[in-house]
Amino acid sequence: MLSEKDQEFIDKYVNGNLSGDELRQAEERILNDKEFAEQVAFTSDLKKVIKQSEREELKKKLRSISVKYEYEDAAASKSNRKNYLSIAATVAFLFIATGLGYYLGISTQHSELANEKNNNLKEHIRDSIEQHEFDSYNDRKGFGFAETDSTKKIPSKISFSEGITKGLFEYTIVGAHDQRVFPGETDADGLHYGKCIILILESKIDSMILLGIECGRELIPLDSTVQTMIITKEAEIPLYPKLRAATKVYAMCGEIHDYAPDINSSFKYGEMSDTNLIRLAKIIERKFMQNMVAQDAIWAVANNASIEELVKYGADKTSLALTRDLLNEGGYVTQINPRGKIVQPAQSESSLLEKLKGKIEINKPAAYLFAGIMLGLIISLIILLKRNTKKPEA
């Protein structure tokens, strides 16, 4: 078994920090020591996956910012397209009304439909980045799959469990967190959620297949002091012929009293979780809540965690309120929401009115004054139009 000193030596080799006798020593050990060579390959793959993940996260942030500003510019341009009357009095009226409106603080937000389209666009971009993250890594290895080539067969899709049973590949599952690589990317006590699991796959077949991983699947730790993990976002992973590669998947911890996973934590592919956790995992997937709020909800359902326990792991008043909302929506009763008030999906007319009140704030006296001024301008305009259209006397 390799020592911690051996691992440090491997890290230096992978990072290109060896030279002279040390470099020759490392190359000789790779040729003569199988365990050492496998650990070098694993460390190299892990470094590449982490680097690619950081690049994709940066792309994701830049694209989200771009989408936001492009959408706001388009919305602003659309709102400024107005039809003005050719009469000078009407132009003056519109300028006065617009100025008074801004002065009196009448503000409106984008429509619900526009917000929904914007959110769907952002989610589409985010999903596209995740879908191509694995492919981008393999493209650099010299492998690819030309979707436009009609001569290639469409790869068959099977479940990850079926692939294991048929011996189509070998796999290793470890935690993604490495304190030496990205120490700042943690929650209160380790990396409990998000893309916190790495799958390392080595194909044993000559054709490409797609491996499906279900939302709600459990990953069982080989060390009983580490938490069981629950997949919180369905994944479809391409497995290329005779290739060894790695990717990350979304998961959350399911045992609050045990340790969070890291690169030294190994897992085996387990069974589907119980019905309650599967349903909660699918709600988290649908809302794309891969964050502390959803992690606390998992602990509340799986371990009946108390508020005090969640606060220990970083929860605060704001996050706990959002966790309660999530639990209420799913119809769960826990220590976090003991009354188990279920949020009805249908909105009543009164709730819609309350929602609209938050979007528009109007000062009533100022509104009355504004309405009076507009009425006076309209009357003046009508009189002016009648005078202009009146026939001259004979």
Protein backbone atom coordinates (compact mmCIF):
# COMPACT_ATOMS: atom_id res chain seq x y z
CA MET A 1 0.00 0.00 0.00
CA LEU A 2 1.34 3.42 -0.96
CA SER A 3 2.27 5.82 1.82
CA GLU A 4 1.42 9.48 2.16
CA LYS A 5 5.01 10.24 1.12
CA ASP A 6 4.46 8.22 -2.06
CA GLN A 7 1.33 10.23 -2.83
CA GLU A 8 3.23 13.50 -2.39
CA PHE A 9 5.91 12.15 -4.75
CA ILE A 10 3.19 11.27 -7.30
CA ASP A 11 1.64 14.74 -6.99
CA LYS A 12 5.01 16.32 -7.78
CA TYR A 13 5.43 14.03 -10.81
CA VAL A 14 1.92 14.78 -12.19
CA ASN A 15 2.40 18.53 -11.65
CA GLY A 16 5.77 18.44 -13.48
CA ASN A 17 7.82 19.38 -10.42
CA LEU A 18 10.39 16.56 -10.69
CA SER A 19 13.71 16.64 -12.52
CA GLY A 20 16.99 14.78 -12.71
CA ASP A 21 17.31 11.70 -10.51
CA GLU A 22 13.83 12.13 -8.99
CA LEU A 23 12.21 12.14 -12.44
CA ARG A 24 14.14 9.01 -13.51
CA GLN A 25 13.18 7.35 -10.23
CA ALA A 26 9.49 8.08 -10.85
CA GLU A 27 9.62 6.75 -14.40
CA GLU A 28 11.33 3.56 -13.25
CA ARG A 29 8.67 2.98 -10.58
CA ILE A 30 5.93 3.44 -13.16
CA LEU A 31 7.49 0.69 -15.27
CA ASN A 32 8.19 -1.70 -12.39
CA ASP A 33 5.55 -0.95 -9.73
CA LYS A 34 1.96 -1.65 -10.92
CA GLU A 35 0.28 -0.08 -7.85
CA PHE A 36 2.42 3.04 -8.20
CA ALA A 37 1.64 3.27 -11.93
CA GLU A 38 -2.14 2.94 -11.34
CA GLN A 39 -2.04 5.67 -8.69
CA VAL A 40 -0.14 7.97 -11.10
CA ALA A 41 -2.82 7.38 -13.77
CA PHE A 42 -5.62 8.01 -11.26
CA THR A 43 -4.01 11.24 -9.97
CA SER A 44 -3.44 12.47 -13.53
CA ASP A 45 -7.09 11.77 -14.51
CA LEU A 46 -8.34 13.44 -11.34
CA LYS A 47 -6.29 16.55 -12.01
CA LYS A 48 -7.64 16.81 -15.56
CA VAL A 49 -11.27 16.37 -14.45
CA ILE A 50 -10.92 19.04 -11.78
CA LYS A 51 -9.27 21.44 -14.23
CA GLN A 52 -12.00 20.86 -16.82
CA SER A 53 -14.70 21.30 -14.18
CA GLU A 54 -13.25 24.64 -13.11
CA ARG A 55 -13.17 25.78 -16.76
CA GLU A 56 -16.78 24.77 -17.34
CA GLU A 57 -17.89 26.52 -14.12
CA LEU A 58 -16.22 29.74 -15.37
CA LYS A 59 -17.91 29.34 -18.78
CA LYS A 60 -21.21 28.77 -17.00
CA LYS A 61 -20.87 32.00 -15.02
CA LEU A 62 -19.81 34.04 -18.08
CA ARG A 63 -22.67 32.67 -20.18
CA SER A 64 -25.20 33.34 -17.41
CA ILE A 65 -23.99 36.96 -17.19
CA SER A 66 -24.17 37.29 -20.98
CA VAL A 67 -27.72 35.89 -21.10
CA LYS A 68 -28.80 38.21 -18.30
CA TYR A 69 -27.57 41.40 -19.97
CA GLU A 70 -28.70 40.39 -23.46
CA TYR A 71 -32.17 39.70 -22.13
CA GLU A 72 -32.36 42.95 -20.15
CA ASP A 73 -31.20 44.95 -23.19
CA ALA A 74 -33.84 43.27 -25.38
CA ALA A 75 -36.58 43.86 -22.80
CA ALA A 76 -35.58 47.53 -22.41
CA SER A 77 -35.57 48.01 -26.17
CA LYS A 78 -38.99 46.42 -26.52
CA SER A 79 -40.53 48.56 -23.76
CA ASN A 80 -39.32 51.78 -25.45
CA ARG A 81 -41.09 51.09 -28.72
CA LYS A 82 -44.08 53.39 -28.55
CA ASN A 83 -46.37 54.95 -31.11
CA TYR A 84 -46.49 58.71 -30.78
CA LEU A 85 -49.16 60.98 -32.23
CA SER A 86 -48.08 63.56 -34.76
CA ILE A 87 -49.72 66.42 -32.90
CA ALA A 88 -47.32 68.48 -30.77
CA ALA A 89 -49.71 68.51 -27.80
CA THR A 90 -49.73 64.68 -27.66
CA VAL A 91 -45.92 64.48 -27.70
CA ALA A 92 -45.79 66.93 -24.79
CA PHE A 93 -48.41 64.85 -22.92
CA LEU A 94 -46.36 61.64 -23.25
CA PHE A 95 -43.16 63.33 -22.06
CA ILE A 96 -44.97 64.81 -19.04
CA ALA A 97 -46.66 61.50 -18.17
CA THR A 98 -43.39 59.59 -18.42
CA GLY A 99 -41.53 62.12 -16.28
CA LEU A 100 -44.22 62.15 -13.60
CA GLY A 101 -44.34 58.36 -13.59
CA TYR A 102 -40.62 58.06 -12.83
CA TYR A 103 -40.72 60.94 -10.33
CA LEU A 104 -43.58 59.41 -8.33
CA GLY A 105 -41.78 56.05 -8.09
CA ILE A 106 -44.16 53.86 -10.11
CA SER A 107 -42.11 50.75 -10.91
CA THR A 108 -43.00 47.57 -12.65
CA GLN A 109 -41.06 44.34 -13.13
CA HIS A 110 -40.80 42.09 -16.16
CA SER A 111 -43.85 39.95 -16.86
CA GLU A 112 -44.09 36.39 -15.45
CA LEU A 113 -43.90 34.98 -18.98
CA ALA A 114 -40.68 36.84 -19.76
CA ASN A 115 -39.14 35.68 -16.47
CA GLU A 116 -40.12 32.09 -17.21
CA LYS A 117 -38.51 32.24 -20.68
CA ASN A 118 -35.35 33.76 -19.21
CA ASN A 119 -35.12 31.07 -16.50
CA ASN A 120 -35.72 28.30 -19.03
CA LEU A 121 -32.97 29.70 -21.23
CA LYS A 122 -30.51 29.80 -18.32
CA GLU A 123 -31.43 26.25 -17.30
CA HIS A 124 -30.96 25.09 -20.91
CA ILE A 125 -27.49 26.63 -21.01
CA ARG A 126 -26.59 25.10 -17.64
CA ASP A 127 -27.79 21.64 -18.72
CA SER A 128 -25.91 21.95 -22.02
CA ILE A 129 -22.68 22.68 -20.17
CA GLU A 130 -23.18 19.63 -17.94
CA GLN A 131 -24.06 17.39 -20.89
CA HIS A 132 -20.87 18.28 -22.81
CA GLU A 133 -18.51 18.37 -19.82
CA PHE A 134 -17.68 14.65 -20.13
CA ASP A 135 -17.47 14.82 -23.94
CA SER A 136 -15.03 17.76 -23.82
CA TYR A 137 -12.68 15.73 -21.62
CA ASN A 138 -12.76 12.75 -23.96
CA ASP A 139 -12.34 14.90 -27.09
CA ARG A 140 -8.92 15.93 -25.79
CA LYS A 141 -8.10 12.23 -25.54
CA GLY A 142 -8.70 11.86 -29.29
CA PHE A 143 -12.11 10.19 -29.11
CA GLY A 144 -15.34 11.53 -30.54
CA PHE A 145 -18.80 10.65 -31.78
CA ALA A 146 -20.03 12.35 -34.94
CA GLU A 147 -23.78 12.73 -34.49
CA THR A 148 -24.17 14.00 -38.07
CA ASP A 149 -22.52 10.90 -39.55
CA SER A 150 -25.37 8.69 -40.68
CA THR A 151 -23.02 5.70 -41.08
CA LYS A 152 -22.41 5.48 -37.32
CA LYS A 153 -24.84 3.56 -35.15
CA ILE A 154 -26.77 5.35 -32.43
CA PRO A 155 -25.27 4.14 -29.12
CA SER A 156 -27.52 1.96 -27.01
CA LYS A 157 -28.52 3.16 -23.55
CA ILE A 158 -28.47 0.86 -20.53
CA SER A 159 -28.64 1.43 -16.80
CA PHE A 160 -25.45 1.67 -14.80
CA SER A 161 -26.60 -1.38 -12.79
CA GLU A 162 -27.06 -3.46 -15.94
CA GLY A 163 -23.60 -2.49 -17.16
CA ILE A 164 -22.09 -3.67 -13.87
CA THR A 165 -23.99 -6.97 -14.02
CA LYS A 166 -22.85 -7.64 -17.60
CA GLY A 167 -19.25 -6.69 -16.83
CA LEU A 168 -19.15 -4.04 -19.57
CA PHE A 169 -16.83 -1.78 -17.59
CA GLU A 170 -14.89 -1.37 -14.37
CA TYR A 171 -15.67 1.57 -12.13
CA THR A 172 -14.34 3.51 -9.17
CA ILE A 173 -16.47 5.98 -7.20
CA VAL A 174 -14.78 8.52 -4.91
CA GLY A 175 -15.57 11.89 -3.36
CA ALA A 176 -14.62 14.96 -5.40
CA HIS A 177 -13.38 17.16 -2.57
CA ASP A 178 -9.61 17.56 -2.28
CA GLN A 179 -8.47 20.08 0.32
CA ARG A 180 -5.13 20.45 -1.44
CA VAL A 181 -6.69 21.47 -4.76
CA PHE A 182 -9.67 23.73 -3.99
CA PRO A 183 -9.89 24.35 -0.22
CA GLY A 184 -12.28 27.30 -0.60
CA GLU A 185 -14.98 25.32 -2.39
CA THR A 186 -16.58 23.86 0.73
CA ASP A 187 -19.59 24.28 2.97
CA ALA A 188 -19.44 24.37 6.78
CA ASP A 189 -17.83 20.94 7.17
CA GLY A 190 -16.71 19.54 3.84
CA LEU A 191 -18.29 19.19 0.40
CA HIS A 192 -21.67 17.58 1.12
CA TYR A 193 -23.61 18.50 -2.03
CA GLY A 194 -23.30 19.62 -5.64
CA LYS A 195 -20.97 17.73 -7.98
CA CYS A 196 -19.33 16.05 -5.01
CA ILE A 197 -18.86 12.55 -6.53
CA ILE A 198 -16.39 11.42 -9.21
CA LEU A 199 -17.05 8.35 -11.38
CA ILE A 200 -13.97 6.78 -13.01
CA LEU A 201 -14.95 4.32 -15.75
CA GLU A 202 -12.90 1.93 -17.88
CA SER A 203 -14.70 0.35 -20.83
CA LYS A 204 -14.20 -3.36 -21.55
CA ILE A 205 -16.09 -3.41 -24.86
CA ASP A 206 -15.48 -2.30 -28.46
CA SER A 207 -18.58 -0.12 -28.90
CA MET A 208 -19.92 3.06 -27.40
CA ILE A 209 -22.82 2.92 -24.91
CA LEU A 210 -24.72 5.42 -22.75
CA LEU A 211 -24.96 4.66 -19.03
CA GLY A 212 -28.04 5.94 -17.20
CA ILE A 213 -27.92 6.81 -13.48
CA GLU A 214 -31.26 7.42 -11.77
CA CYS A 215 -32.12 10.29 -9.45
CA GLY A 216 -32.51 8.78 -5.97
CA ARG A 217 -29.82 6.09 -6.37
CA GLU A 218 -27.68 5.44 -3.27
CA LEU A 219 -23.87 5.23 -3.25
CA ILE A 220 -22.69 3.10 -0.32
CA PRO A 221 -19.36 4.02 1.37
CA LEU A 222 -16.79 1.29 1.94
CA ASP A 223 -15.90 3.11 5.17
CA SER A 224 -18.88 3.03 7.56
CA THR A 225 -17.85 6.38 9.09
CA VAL A 226 -18.58 8.17 5.76
CA GLN A 227 -22.08 9.22 4.76
CA THR A 228 -24.19 7.31 2.24
CA MET A 229 -24.65 9.53 -0.83
CA ILE A 230 -27.90 10.04 -2.78
CA ILE A 231 -27.86 11.01 -6.48
CA THR A 232 -29.91 14.22 -6.88
CA LYS A 233 -29.76 14.68 -10.65
CA GLU A 234 -30.26 12.02 -13.30
CA ALA A 235 -27.14 11.46 -15.41
CA GLU A 236 -26.47 9.95 -18.83
CA ILE A 237 -22.78 9.16 -19.27
CA PRO A 238 -21.19 8.19 -22.62
CA LEU A 239 -18.73 5.30 -22.33
CA TYR A 240 -16.31 5.14 -25.24
CA PRO A 241 -14.64 1.92 -26.47
CA LYS A 242 -11.60 0.81 -24.44
CA LEU A 243 -11.37 4.24 -22.76
CA ARG A 244 -10.62 5.09 -19.15
CA ALA A 245 -12.14 8.45 -18.20
CA ALA A 246 -13.90 10.26 -15.38
CA THR A 247 -16.80 12.63 -14.75
CA LYS A 248 -18.65 14.25 -11.84
CA VAL A 249 -22.28 13.74 -10.78
CA TYR A 250 -24.65 15.60 -8.46
CA ALA A 251 -25.28 13.99 -5.07
CA MET A 252 -26.09 14.84 -1.45
CA CYS A 253 -25.20 13.31 1.90
CA GLY A 254 -27.76 11.08 3.56
CA GLU A 255 -26.32 10.57 7.08
CA ILE A 256 -25.70 13.80 8.98
CA HIS A 257 -23.72 12.21 11.82
CA ASP A 258 -21.03 10.70 9.54
CA TYR A 259 -18.17 12.28 7.61
CA ALA A 260 -18.51 14.09 4.28
CA PRO A 261 -16.90 12.42 1.21
CA ASP A 262 -13.48 13.35 -0.15
CA ILE A 263 -11.02 11.85 -2.64
CA ASN A 264 -10.02 9.23 -0.07
CA SER A 265 -13.63 8.01 0.30
CA SER A 266 -14.59 5.06 -1.92
CA PHE A 267 -18.16 3.97 -2.71
CA LYS A 268 -19.98 1.11 -4.35
CA TYR A 269 -23.05 1.53 -6.56
CA GLY A 270 -26.07 0.78 -4.36
CA GLU A 271 -29.83 0.30 -4.62
CA MET A 272 -32.50 2.96 -5.04
CA SER A 273 -33.27 4.88 -1.83
CA ASP A 274 -36.62 4.71 -0.02
CA THR A 275 -39.73 6.27 -1.57
CA ASN A 276 -39.64 9.48 0.49
CA LEU A 277 -36.03 10.27 -0.40
CA ILE A 278 -36.51 9.42 -4.08
CA ARG A 279 -39.47 11.81 -4.26
CA LEU A 280 -37.50 14.56 -2.47
CA ALA A 281 -34.49 14.00 -4.75
CA LYS A 282 -36.73 14.44 -7.81
CA ILE A 283 -38.16 17.69 -6.40
CA ILE A 284 -34.59 18.92 -5.87
CA GLU A 285 -33.73 17.92 -9.44
CA ARG A 286 -36.80 19.65 -10.89
CA LYS A 287 -36.06 22.88 -8.99
CA PHE A 288 -32.30 22.56 -9.59
CA MET A 289 -31.68 23.20 -5.89
CA GLN A 290 -28.23 21.64 -5.62
CA ASN A 291 -27.41 23.69 -2.53
CA MET A 292 -27.43 23.80 1.28
CA VAL A 293 -31.19 24.39 1.44
CA ALA A 294 -31.92 21.08 -0.28
CA GLN A 295 -29.13 19.26 1.61
CA ASP A 296 -30.75 20.27 4.90
CA ALA A 297 -34.08 18.95 3.58
CA ILE A 298 -32.43 15.58 2.80
CA TRP A 299 -31.04 15.38 6.34
CA ALA A 300 -34.40 16.41 7.81
CA VAL A 301 -36.19 13.56 5.99
CA ALA A 302 -33.45 10.89 6.15
CA ASN A 303 -32.18 11.53 9.70
CA ASN A 304 -34.95 13.65 11.29
CA ALA A 305 -32.26 16.28 11.87
CA SER A 306 -32.96 19.09 14.33
CA ILE A 307 -32.48 22.81 13.74
CA GLU A 308 -29.46 22.76 16.07
CA GLU A 309 -27.80 20.03 13.99
CA LEU A 310 -28.38 21.91 10.73
CA VAL A 311 -27.03 25.16 12.18
CA LYS A 312 -23.83 23.27 13.00
CA TYR A 313 -23.39 22.65 9.27
CA GLY A 314 -23.95 26.25 8.21
CA ALA A 315 -27.74 26.75 8.18
CA ASP A 316 -29.13 30.12 9.23
CA LYS A 317 -32.54 31.76 9.59
CA THR A 318 -32.89 32.48 5.87
CA SER A 319 -31.80 29.06 4.64
CA LEU A 320 -33.97 27.26 7.21
CA ALA A 321 -37.03 29.19 6.02
CA LEU A 322 -36.34 28.03 2.45
CA THR A 323 -35.80 24.45 3.66
CA ARG A 324 -39.20 24.56 5.42
CA ASP A 325 -40.83 25.75 2.19
CA LEU A 326 -39.26 22.85 0.30
CA LEU A 327 -40.38 20.30 2.89
CA ASN A 328 -43.89 21.77 3.00
CA GLU A 329 -44.16 21.60 -0.78
CA GLY A 330 -43.28 17.91 -0.68
CA GLY A 331 -45.74 17.23 2.14
CA TYR A 332 -43.08 16.10 4.63
CA VAL A 333 -43.36 16.43 8.42
CA THR A 334 -40.01 16.76 10.22
CA GLN A 335 -38.45 18.55 13.19
CA ILE A 336 -37.78 21.47 10.84
CA ASN A 337 -41.48 21.83 9.93
CA PRO A 338 -43.36 19.90 12.66
CA ARG A 339 -46.78 21.14 11.58
CA GLY A 340 -46.16 19.87 8.07
CA LYS A 341 -48.18 22.57 6.38
CA ILE A 342 -48.54 21.50 2.74
CA VAL A 343 -48.34 24.22 0.11
CA GLN A 344 -51.11 23.79 -2.45
CA PRO A 345 -49.84 23.97 -6.04
CA ALA A 346 -52.83 25.98 -7.30
CA GLN A 347 -52.77 29.70 -6.50
CA SER A 348 -55.92 31.40 -5.31
CA GLU A 349 -57.07 34.76 -6.63
CA SER A 350 -56.13 36.46 -3.35
CA SER A 351 -52.59 35.03 -3.47
CA LEU A 352 -52.16 36.37 -7.00
CA LEU A 353 -53.30 39.81 -5.87
CA GLU A 354 -50.80 39.73 -3.01
CA LYS A 355 -48.11 38.79 -5.50
CA LEU A 356 -49.02 41.73 -7.73
CA LYS A 357 -48.90 44.12 -4.79
CA GLY A 358 -45.23 43.35 -4.39
CA LYS A 359 -44.55 44.22 -8.02
CA ILE A 360 -46.14 47.70 -8.15
CA GLU A 361 -45.95 50.31 -5.40
CA ILE A 362 -48.09 53.45 -5.86
CA ASN A 363 -48.39 56.51 -3.65
CA LYS A 364 -52.17 57.14 -3.64
CA PRO A 365 -52.17 60.98 -3.27
CA ALA A 366 -49.52 61.26 -5.95
CA ALA A 367 -51.49 58.88 -8.19
CA TYR A 368 -54.64 61.03 -7.86
CA LEU A 369 -52.63 64.14 -8.77
CA PHE A 370 -51.10 62.33 -11.72
CA ALA A 371 -54.53 61.17 -12.93
CA GLY A 372 -55.90 64.73 -12.67
CA ILE A 373 -53.04 66.17 -14.72
CA MET A 374 -53.52 63.52 -17.40
CA LEU A 375 -57.26 64.15 -17.53
CA GLY A 376 -56.64 67.88 -17.98
CA LEU A 377 -54.17 67.23 -20.78
CA ILE A 378 -56.60 64.86 -22.55
CA ILE A 379 -59.42 67.43 -22.39
CA SER A 380 -57.08 70.13 -23.73
CA LEU A 381 -56.05 67.81 -26.55
CA ILE A 382 -59.67 67.08 -27.52
CA ILE A 383 -60.48 70.81 -27.61
CA LEU A 384 -57.38 71.48 -29.71
CA LEU A 385 -58.29 68.73 -32.19
CA LYS A 386 -61.85 70.02 -32.56
CA ARG A 387 -60.61 73.54 -33.26
CA ASN A 388 -58.18 72.29 -35.90
CA THR A 389 -60.84 70.20 -37.69
CA LYS A 390 -63.60 72.86 -37.56
CA LYS A 391 -64.63 74.03 -41.04
CA PRO A 392 -64.05 77.75 -41.82
CA GLU A 393 -67.21 79.85 -41.97
CA ALA A 394 -68.41 80.94 -45.46
